[in-house]
Amino acid sequence: MESKCYDGDVAVVSTFEFHKDRERAPHWEQPIHRGRLETAGRFVLAARDIDAVAKTTVVDLGCGDGGLVAHLRLNWSRTLDVSGYDFQPSNEDGWKERRLEGVCHQLDFVRWWTAVPRAEVYVITEVLEHLTDPHAMLKRIRLRGAQLVCSSPHDETYESHDACHAWAWDQEGYAAMIREAGFAIRAHEIVDRFQVVWAVPE
């Protein structure tokens, strides 16, 4: 099941105005989020081309304060070229602490999609549920022929969801959205209250 949880044409929770004064959330250090981020990292490693001469390019859309980007760069810099994009100003403090200046960038990547570099793998964890049109975001990624690693809560509904979320999906509804965008799902795992997916272009 898929539920739209906002009224009107634009989800307020998707806008810069909504996020500009929000506090930084160090998800990598938070136990509730660590498992789903580690699973996303494992899926990125599964998606890389280990036989390629060049590094596999990975872009983390909605990278937050850079926890996953830092983890991948620290441990797999020989085979992965990882960068991140986010538009919440408070996350810049995390980029500085994690030494990701010049690696993570302030950008409204939905509005300015053409400014996002092409990549072989796009990561978009805990972002789709905030967007006005998550379907369109997935289709943009698919049009670039990239692999996808994404996550969202699996236990929310129209009646019961985080006030910051514009959409809610159960496992079946999430899979249907991803397939509709033109992907084949390679893995779909439940980690605590999150669902994490690795998908490839069909």
Foldseek 3Di string as FASTA:
>chain_A
DKDFQDDDQFQPLLDCVNQQPDAADPQCPDPLRVVLLVVLLVLVVVQFDPPDPAAFEEEEEQCGLPPSVLVCCVPPVVRYQYAYEHAHVNSVVSCVVSVCVVRYYHDSCVVVVVVDDQGQEYEYEQNLQQGSDSLVVLLVNLVSQHKYKYKDFQPADSVGDPPSGRMYHHQVRVVVSNVVSAWDWPDWDDDNRMIITITGGD
